[in-house]
Amino acid sequence: MSAAAIGLAALAWLATYLVHSTVFLGGAWALCAACKRLPLRWQDRLWKLGLVGVLLAQEEPLAV
């Protein structure tokens, strides 16, 4: 694999990570902001799901 191909693959991974992290973490933020009465335990779980979901969404295309 050439250096250019590795660079393009890294750039594609980074772009995908940025999109997924925006969606997952933005969704967690929106849910926590919209549901003020949501217990802190559930807010914490939403944030953790957002963080882990980004990593899982990133690894799935690499497994294929």
C-alpha atoms as a PDB file:
ATOM      1  CA  MET A   1       0.000   0.000   0.000  1.00  0.00           C
ATOM      2  CA  SER A   2       1.475   3.343  -1.002  1.00  0.00           C
ATOM      3  CA  ALA A   3       1.809   6.366   1.255  1.00  0.00           C
ATOM      4  CA  ALA A   4      -0.856   8.203  -0.746  1.00  0.00           C
ATOM      5  CA  ALA A   5      -3.335   5.351  -0.293  1.00  0.00           C
ATOM      6  CA  ILE A   6      -2.636   5.226   3.443  1.00  0.00           C
ATOM      7  CA  GLY A   7      -3.109   8.997   3.665  1.00  0.00           C
ATOM      8  CA  LEU A   8      -6.424   8.817   1.819  1.00  0.00           C
ATOM      9  CA  ALA A   9      -7.630   5.967   4.029  1.00  0.00           C
ATOM     10  CA  ALA A  10      -6.695   7.945   7.158  1.00  0.00           C
ATOM     11  CA  LEU A  11      -8.441  11.033   5.818  1.00  0.00           C
ATOM     12  CA  ALA A  12     -11.571   9.029   5.008  1.00  0.00           C
ATOM     13  CA  TRP A  13     -11.550   7.517   8.512  1.00  0.00           C
ATOM     14  CA  LEU A  14     -11.159  10.946  10.102  1.00  0.00           C
ATOM     15  CA  ALA A  15     -14.001  12.428   8.033  1.00  0.00           C
ATOM     16  CA  THR A  16     -16.265   9.523   8.961  1.00  0.00           C
ATOM     17  CA  TYR A  17     -15.311   9.900  12.628  1.00  0.00           C
ATOM     18  CA  LEU A  18     -16.161  13.611  12.572  1.00  0.00           C
ATOM     19  CA  VAL A  19     -19.575  12.977  11.030  1.00  0.00           C
ATOM     20  CA  HIS A  20     -20.447  10.130  13.397  1.00  0.00           C
ATOM     21  CA  SER A  21     -19.219  11.970  16.478  1.00  0.00           C
ATOM     22  CA  THR A  22     -21.284  15.013  15.541  1.00  0.00           C
ATOM     23  CA  VAL A  23     -24.405  12.891  15.139  1.00  0.00           C
ATOM     24  CA  PHE A  24     -23.966  10.738  18.245  1.00  0.00           C
ATOM     25  CA  LEU A  25     -22.761  13.441  20.636  1.00  0.00           C
ATOM     26  CA  GLY A  26     -25.122  16.039  19.191  1.00  0.00           C
ATOM     27  CA  GLY A  27     -27.979  13.609  19.709  1.00  0.00           C
ATOM     28  CA  ALA A  28     -26.932  12.980  23.314  1.00  0.00           C
ATOM     29  CA  TRP A  29     -26.690  16.709  23.942  1.00  0.00           C
ATOM     30  CA  ALA A  30     -30.088  17.374  22.330  1.00  0.00           C
ATOM     31  CA  LEU A  31     -31.799  14.657  24.367  1.00  0.00           C
ATOM     32  CA  CYS A  32     -30.242  15.861  27.609  1.00  0.00           C
ATOM     33  CA  ALA A  33     -31.170  19.473  26.834  1.00  0.00           C
ATOM     34  CA  ALA A  34     -34.732  18.608  25.805  1.00  0.00           C
ATOM     35  CA  CYS A  35     -35.433  16.365  28.793  1.00  0.00           C
ATOM     36  CA  LYS A  36     -34.496  18.517  31.767  1.00  0.00           C
ATOM     37  CA  ARG A  37     -36.305  16.154  34.122  1.00  0.00           C
ATOM     38  CA  LEU A  38     -34.270  13.168  32.927  1.00  0.00           C
ATOM     39  CA  PRO A  39     -32.366  11.682  35.889  1.00  0.00           C
ATOM     40  CA  LEU A  40     -28.627  12.295  35.932  1.00  0.00           C
ATOM     41  CA  ARG A  41     -28.022   8.544  35.729  1.00  0.00           C
ATOM     42  CA  TRP A  42     -29.776   8.404  32.362  1.00  0.00           C
ATOM     43  CA  GLN A  43     -28.039  11.545  31.129  1.00  0.00           C
ATOM     44  CA  ASP A  44     -24.708   9.945  32.017  1.00  0.00           C
ATOM     45  CA  ARG A  45     -25.688   6.792  30.144  1.00  0.00           C
ATOM     46  CA  LEU A  46     -26.684   8.813  27.084  1.00  0.00           C
ATOM     47  CA  TRP A  47     -23.292  10.539  27.010  1.00  0.00           C
ATOM     48  CA  LYS A  48     -21.469   7.230  27.418  1.00  0.00           C
ATOM     49  CA  LEU A  49     -23.581   5.674  24.668  1.00  0.00           C
ATOM     50  CA  GLY A  50     -22.706   8.610  22.438  1.00  0.00           C
ATOM     51  CA  LEU A  51     -18.991   8.173  23.076  1.00  0.00           C
ATOM     52  CA  VAL A  52     -18.994   4.396  22.638  1.00  0.00           C
ATOM     53  CA  GLY A  53     -21.406   4.556  19.700  1.00  0.00           C
ATOM     54  CA  VAL A  54     -18.952   6.698  17.767  1.00  0.00           C
ATOM     55  CA  LEU A  55     -16.225   4.094  18.190  1.00  0.00           C
ATOM     56  CA  LEU A  56     -18.527   1.209  17.289  1.00  0.00           C
ATOM     57  CA  ALA A  57     -19.804   3.012  14.205  1.00  0.00           C
ATOM     58  CA  GLN A  58     -16.208   3.609  13.147  1.00  0.00           C
ATOM     59  CA  GLU A  59     -15.075   0.005  13.553  1.00  0.00           C
ATOM     60  CA  GLU A  60     -17.958  -1.578  11.663  1.00  0.00           C
ATOM     61  CA  PRO A  61     -16.771  -0.540   8.167  1.00  0.00           C
ATOM     62  CA  LEU A  62     -13.251  -1.785   8.962  1.00  0.00           C
ATOM     63  CA  ALA A  63     -14.605  -5.246   9.772  1.00  0.00           C
ATOM     64  CA  VAL A  64     -16.332  -5.573   6.403  1.00  0.00           C
END
